[in-house]
Every structure is written in C-alpha cells, then in structure tokens.
C-alpha cells in the first residue's frame, strides 16, 4: 500500500513539475487584461478575406 502511495505521489509530482510552467503561461496569456487583444485577433482572423470562399 505504501509503495502504491509512493508511485502516485511520484506521478503527481512529475506531472506538476512538467505542466506547471505551461499552465502558468496560459494563465498569464488568458487573463482578463489580455482577453481584448486575443478576441480582436480572433475576430480579424475570422472575418479576413482569406477565409471567405469566393464562388
């Protein structure tokens, strides 16, 4: 049982160690103060002429 708990702790530790910087970066980029810029870029990309099919 202790061996199983040790492996679970080890997996959680390495998962946190690997993905915490990525999660921290995403949290910073997607903060409310950055959201208008991201939304504006998304709208420009959505309504750009390259994406409109011309028949």
PDB file of N, CA and C in Angstrom:
ATOM      1  N   UNK A   1       0.827  -1.190   0.000  1.00  0.00           N
ATOM      2  CA  UNK A   1       0.000   0.000   0.000  1.00  0.00           C
ATOM      3  C   UNK A   1       0.872   1.255   0.000  1.00  0.00           C
ATOM      4  N   UNK A   2       1.921   1.245   0.815  1.00  0.00           N
ATOM      5  CA  UNK A   2       2.816   2.406   0.841  1.00  0.00           C
ATOM      6  C   UNK A   2       3.552   2.579  -0.483  1.00  0.00           C
ATOM      7  N   UNK A   3       3.867   1.459  -1.112  1.00  0.00           N
ATOM      8  CA  UNK A   3       4.524   1.530  -2.414  1.00  0.00           C
ATOM      9  C   UNK A   3       3.606   2.164  -3.452  1.00  0.00           C
ATOM     10  N   UNK A   4       2.338   1.802  -3.420  1.00  0.00           N
ATOM     11  CA  UNK A   4       1.357   2.392  -4.330  1.00  0.00           C
ATOM     12  C   UNK A   4       1.209   3.891  -4.081  1.00  0.00           C
ATOM     13  N   UNK A   5       1.137   4.286  -2.816  1.00  0.00           N
ATOM     14  CA  UNK A   5       1.055   5.707  -2.489  1.00  0.00           C
ATOM     15  C   UNK A   5       2.308   6.452  -2.935  1.00  0.00           C
ATOM     16  N   UNK A   6       3.452   5.826  -2.807  1.00  0.00           N
ATOM     17  CA  UNK A   6       4.695   6.442  -3.259  1.00  0.00           C
ATOM     18  C   UNK A   6       4.666   6.679  -4.774  1.00  0.00           C
ATOM     19  N   UNK A   7       4.200   5.697  -5.552  1.00  0.00           N
ATOM     20  CA  UNK A   7       4.137   5.861  -7.005  1.00  0.00           C
ATOM     21  C   UNK A   7       3.119   6.919  -7.410  1.00  0.00           C
ATOM     22  N   UNK A   8       2.003   6.975  -6.721  1.00  0.00           N
ATOM     23  CA  UNK A   8       1.007   8.014  -7.015  1.00  0.00           C
ATOM     24  C   UNK A   8       1.593   9.388  -6.729  1.00  0.00           C
ATOM     25  N   UNK A   9       2.264   9.538  -5.595  1.00  0.00           N
ATOM     26  CA  UNK A   9       2.914  10.805  -5.265  1.00  0.00           C
ATOM     27  C   UNK A   9       3.960  11.168  -6.306  1.00  0.00           C
ATOM     28  N   UNK A  10       4.745  10.200  -6.740  1.00  0.00           N
ATOM     29  CA  UNK A  10       5.779  10.438  -7.740  1.00  0.00           C
ATOM     30  C   UNK A  10       5.178  10.898  -9.066  1.00  0.00           C
ATOM     31  N   UNK A  11       4.114  10.252  -9.490  1.00  0.00           N
ATOM     32  CA  UNK A  11       3.449  10.637 -10.738  1.00  0.00           C
ATOM     33  C   UNK A  11       2.877  12.043 -10.627  1.00  0.00           C
ATOM     34  N   UNK A  12       2.251  12.365  -9.512  1.00  0.00           N
ATOM     35  CA  UNK A  12       1.691  13.704  -9.332  1.00  0.00           C
ATOM     36  C   UNK A  12       2.783  14.757  -9.297  1.00  0.00           C
ATOM     37  N   UNK A  13       3.886  14.455  -8.646  1.00  0.00           N
ATOM     38  CA  UNK A  13       4.990  15.407  -8.568  1.00  0.00           C
ATOM     39  C   UNK A  13       5.555  15.706  -9.951  1.00  0.00           C
ATOM     40  N   UNK A  14       5.825  14.666 -10.733  1.00  0.00           N
ATOM     41  CA  UNK A  14       6.393  14.898 -12.059  1.00  0.00           C
ATOM     42  C   UNK A  14       5.388  15.541 -13.011  1.00  0.00           C
ATOM     43  N   UNK A  15       4.118  15.231 -12.864  1.00  0.00           N
ATOM     44  CA  UNK A  15       3.098  15.876 -13.687  1.00  0.00           C
ATOM     45  C   UNK A  15       3.041  17.372 -13.382  1.00  0.00           C
ATOM     46  N   UNK A  16       3.085  17.723 -12.104  1.00  0.00           N
ATOM     47  CA  UNK A  16       3.105  19.130 -11.714  1.00  0.00           C
ATOM     48  C   UNK A  16       4.367  19.810 -12.215  1.00  0.00           C
ATOM     49  N   UNK A  17       5.498  19.144 -12.097  1.00  0.00           N
ATOM     50  CA  UNK A  17       6.780  19.713 -12.488  1.00  0.00           C
ATOM     51  C   UNK A  17       6.840  19.971 -13.994  1.00  0.00           C
ATOM     52  N   UNK A  18       6.208  19.098 -14.792  1.00  0.00           N
ATOM     53  CA  UNK A  18       6.239  19.239 -16.245  1.00  0.00           C
ATOM     54  C   UNK A  18       5.209  20.262 -16.725  1.00  0.00           C
ATOM     55  N   UNK A  19       3.975  20.201 -16.211  1.00  0.00           N
ATOM     56  CA  UNK A  19       2.895  21.014 -16.765  1.00  0.00           C
ATOM     57  C   UNK A  19       2.652  22.327 -16.043  1.00  0.00           C
ATOM     58  N   UNK A  20       3.256  22.558 -14.882  1.00  0.00           N
ATOM     59  CA  UNK A  20       3.019  23.800 -14.159  1.00  0.00           C
ATOM     60  C   UNK A  20       3.506  25.032 -14.927  1.00  0.00           C
ATOM     61  N   UNK A  21       4.694  25.021 -15.544  1.00  0.00           N
ATOM     62  CA  UNK A  21       5.100  26.210 -16.317  1.00  0.00           C
ATOM     63  C   UNK A  21       4.165  26.497 -17.495  1.00  0.00           C
ATOM     64  N   UNK A  22       3.713  25.467 -18.171  1.00  0.00           N
ATOM     65  CA  UNK A  22       2.783  25.652 -19.281  1.00  0.00           C
ATOM     66  C   UNK A  22       1.458  26.224 -18.789  1.00  0.00           C
ATOM     67  N   UNK A  23       0.950  25.707 -17.688  1.00  0.00           N
ATOM     68  CA  UNK A  23      -0.300  26.213 -17.133  1.00  0.00           C
ATOM     69  C   UNK A  23      -0.149  27.647 -16.651  1.00  0.00           C
ATOM     70  N   UNK A  24       0.987  27.968 -16.078  1.00  0.00           N
ATOM     71  CA  UNK A  24       1.239  29.327 -15.613  1.00  0.00           C
ATOM     72  C   UNK A  24       1.284  30.296 -16.795  1.00  0.00           C
ATOM     73  N   UNK A  25       1.929  29.888 -17.883  1.00  0.00           N
ATOM     74  CA  UNK A  25       1.991  30.735 -19.075  1.00  0.00           C
ATOM     75  C   UNK A  25       0.606  30.952 -19.666  1.00  0.00           C
ATOM     76  N   UNK A  26      -0.183  29.884 -19.769  1.00  0.00           N
ATOM     77  CA  UNK A  26      -1.541  30.011 -20.311  1.00  0.00           C
ATOM     78  C   UNK A  26      -2.413  30.887 -19.421  1.00  0.00           C
ATOM     79  N   UNK A  27      -2.236  30.776 -18.123  1.00  0.00           N
ATOM     80  CA  UNK A  27      -2.998  31.611 -17.204  1.00  0.00           C
ATOM     81  C   UNK A  27      -2.642  33.083 -17.398  1.00  0.00           C
ATOM     82  N   UNK A  28      -1.372  33.390 -17.601  1.00  0.00           N
ATOM     83  CA  UNK A  28      -0.954  34.772 -17.819  1.00  0.00           C
ATOM     84  C   UNK A  28      -1.504  35.322 -19.135  1.00  0.00           C
ATOM     85  N   UNK A  29      -1.434  34.517 -20.196  1.00  0.00           N
ATOM     86  CA  UNK A  29      -1.876  34.980 -21.516  1.00  0.00           C
ATOM     87  C   UNK A  29      -3.385  35.181 -21.549  1.00  0.00           C
ATOM     88  N   UNK A  30      -4.124  34.298 -20.883  1.00  0.00           N
ATOM     89  CA  UNK A  30      -5.578  34.348 -20.955  1.00  0.00           C
ATOM     90  C   UNK A  30      -6.209  35.160 -19.824  1.00  0.00           C
ATOM     91  N   UNK A  31      -5.429  35.998 -19.153  1.00  0.00           N
ATOM     92  CA  UNK A  31      -6.006  36.860 -18.128  1.00  0.00           C
ATOM     93  C   UNK A  31      -6.955  37.850 -18.779  1.00  0.00           C
ATOM     94  N   UNK A  32      -7.787  38.453 -17.948  1.00  0.00           N
ATOM     95  CA  UNK A  32      -8.806  39.378 -18.445  1.00  0.00           C
ATOM     96  C   UNK A  32      -8.174  40.561 -19.175  1.00  0.00           C
ATOM     97  N   UNK A  33      -7.011  41.041 -18.729  1.00  0.00           N
ATOM     98  CA  UNK A  33      -6.407  42.203 -19.383  1.00  0.00           C
ATOM     99  C   UNK A  33      -5.885  41.876 -20.775  1.00  0.00           C
ATOM    100  N   UNK A  34      -5.595  40.607 -21.038  1.00  0.00           N
ATOM    101  CA  UNK A  34      -5.108  40.228 -22.359  1.00  0.00           C
ATOM    102  C   UNK A  34      -6.238  39.760 -23.275  1.00  0.00           C
ATOM    103  N   UNK A  35      -7.420  39.533 -22.710  1.00  0.00           N
ATOM    104  CA  UNK A  35      -8.515  38.960 -23.494  1.00  0.00           C
ATOM    105  C   UNK A  35      -8.957  39.847 -24.657  1.00  0.00           C
ATOM    106  N   UNK A  36      -9.069  41.192 -24.507  1.00  0.00           N
ATOM    107  CA  UNK A  36      -9.481  42.001 -25.674  1.00  0.00           C
ATOM    108  C   UNK A  36      -8.544  41.874 -26.863  1.00  0.00           C
ATOM    109  N   UNK A  37      -7.244  41.782 -26.605  1.00  0.00           N
ATOM    110  CA  UNK A  37      -6.286  41.641 -27.710  1.00  0.00           C
ATOM    111  C   UNK A  37      -6.476  40.299 -28.408  1.00  0.00           C
ATOM    112  N   UNK A  38      -6.640  39.243 -27.612  1.00  0.00           N
ATOM    113  CA  UNK A  38      -6.841  37.913 -28.188  1.00  0.00           C
ATOM    114  C   UNK A  38      -8.155  37.862 -28.959  1.00  0.00           C
ATOM    115  N   UNK A  39      -9.210  38.474 -28.408  1.00  0.00           N
ATOM    116  CA  UNK A  39     -10.507  38.490 -29.085  1.00  0.00           C
ATOM    117  C   UNK A  39     -10.430  39.284 -30.387  1.00  0.00           C
ATOM    118  N   UNK A  40      -9.708  40.400 -30.386  1.00  0.00           N
ATOM    119  CA  UNK A  40      -9.560  41.204 -31.603  1.00  0.00           C
ATOM    120  C   UNK A  40      -8.810  40.436 -32.683  1.00  0.00           C
ATOM    121  N   UNK A  41      -7.746  39.758 -32.306  1.00  0.00           N
ATOM    122  CA  UNK A  41      -7.004  38.938 -33.271  1.00  0.00           C
ATOM    123  C   UNK A  41      -7.891  37.816 -33.808  1.00  0.00           C
ATOM    124  N   UNK A  42      -8.681  37.203 -32.928  1.00  0.00           N
ATOM    125  CA  UNK A  42      -9.599  36.150 -33.360  1.00  0.00           C
ATOM    126  C   UNK A  42     -10.642  36.660 -34.334  1.00  0.00           C
ATOM    127  N   UNK A  43     -11.202  37.837 -34.063  1.00  0.00           N
ATOM    128  CA  UNK A  43     -12.204  38.408 -34.975  1.00  0.00           C
ATOM    129  C   UNK A  43     -11.591  38.787 -36.318  1.00  0.00           C
ATOM    130  N   UNK A  44     -10.399  39.346 -36.291  1.00  0.00           N
ATOM    131  CA  UNK A  44      -9.721  39.687 -37.550  1.00  0.00           C
ATOM    132  C   UNK A  44      -9.462  38.428 -38.367  1.00  0.00           C
ATOM    133  N   UNK A  45      -9.007  37.365 -37.705  1.00  0.00           N
ATOM    134  CA  UNK A  45      -8.763  36.113 -38.404  1.00  0.00           C
ATOM    135  C   UNK A  45     -10.064  35.512 -38.928  1.00  0.00           C
ATOM    136  N   UNK A  46     -11.130  35.632 -38.139  1.00  0.00           N
ATOM    137  CA  UNK A  46     -12.414  35.050 -38.526  1.00  0.00           C
ATOM    138  C   UNK A  46     -13.003  35.746 -39.745  1.00  0.00           C
ATOM    139  N   UNK A  47     -12.883  37.070 -39.789  1.00  0.00           N
ATOM    140  CA  UNK A  47     -13.503  37.820 -40.877  1.00  0.00           C
ATOM    141  C   UNK A  47     -12.523  38.264 -41.956  1.00  0.00           C
ATOM    142  N   UNK A  48     -11.337  37.696 -41.972  1.00  0.00           N
ATOM    143  CA  UNK A  48     -10.395  38.067 -43.021  1.00  0.00           C
ATOM    144  C   UNK A  48     -10.853  37.487 -44.357  1.00  0.00           C
ATOM    145  N   UNK A  49     -10.443  38.118 -45.410  1.00  0.00           N
ATOM    146  CA  UNK A  49     -10.904  37.714 -46.738  1.00  0.00           C
ATOM    147  C   UNK A  49     -10.316  36.384 -47.177  1.00  0.00           C
ATOM    148  N   UNK A  50      -9.221  35.982 -46.588  1.00  0.00           N
ATOM    149  CA  UNK A  50      -8.613  34.721 -46.966  1.00  0.00           C
ATOM    150  C   UNK A  50      -9.506  33.537 -46.594  1.00  0.00           C
ATOM    151  N   UNK A  51     -10.303  33.699 -45.546  1.00  0.00           N
ATOM    152  CA  UNK A  51     -11.123  32.591 -45.068  1.00  0.00           C
ATOM    153  C   UNK A  51     -12.492  32.520 -45.747  1.00  0.00           C
ATOM    154  N   UNK A  52     -12.853  33.566 -46.480  1.00  0.00           N
ATOM    155  CA  UNK A  52     -14.159  33.577 -47.141  1.00  0.00           C
ATOM    156  C   UNK A  52     -14.027  32.896 -48.501  1.00  0.00           C
ATOM    157  N   UNK A  53     -14.830  31.892 -48.713  1.00  0.00           N
ATOM    158  CA  UNK A  53     -14.794  31.206 -50.005  1.00  0.00           C
ATOM    159  C   UNK A  53     -15.508  32.062 -51.041  1.00  0.00           C
ATOM    160  N   UNK A  54     -14.877  32.227 -52.160  1.00  0.00           N
ATOM    161  CA  UNK A  54     -15.481  33.013 -53.238  1.00  0.00           C
ATOM    162  C   UNK A  54     -15.937  32.053 -54.326  1.00  0.00           C
ATOM    163  N   UNK A  55     -17.249  32.078 -54.614  1.00  0.00           N
ATOM    164  CA  UNK A  55     -17.821  31.189 -55.630  1.00  0.00           C
ATOM    165  C   UNK A  55     -17.921  31.873 -56.965  1.00  0.00           C
TER     166      UNK A  55
END
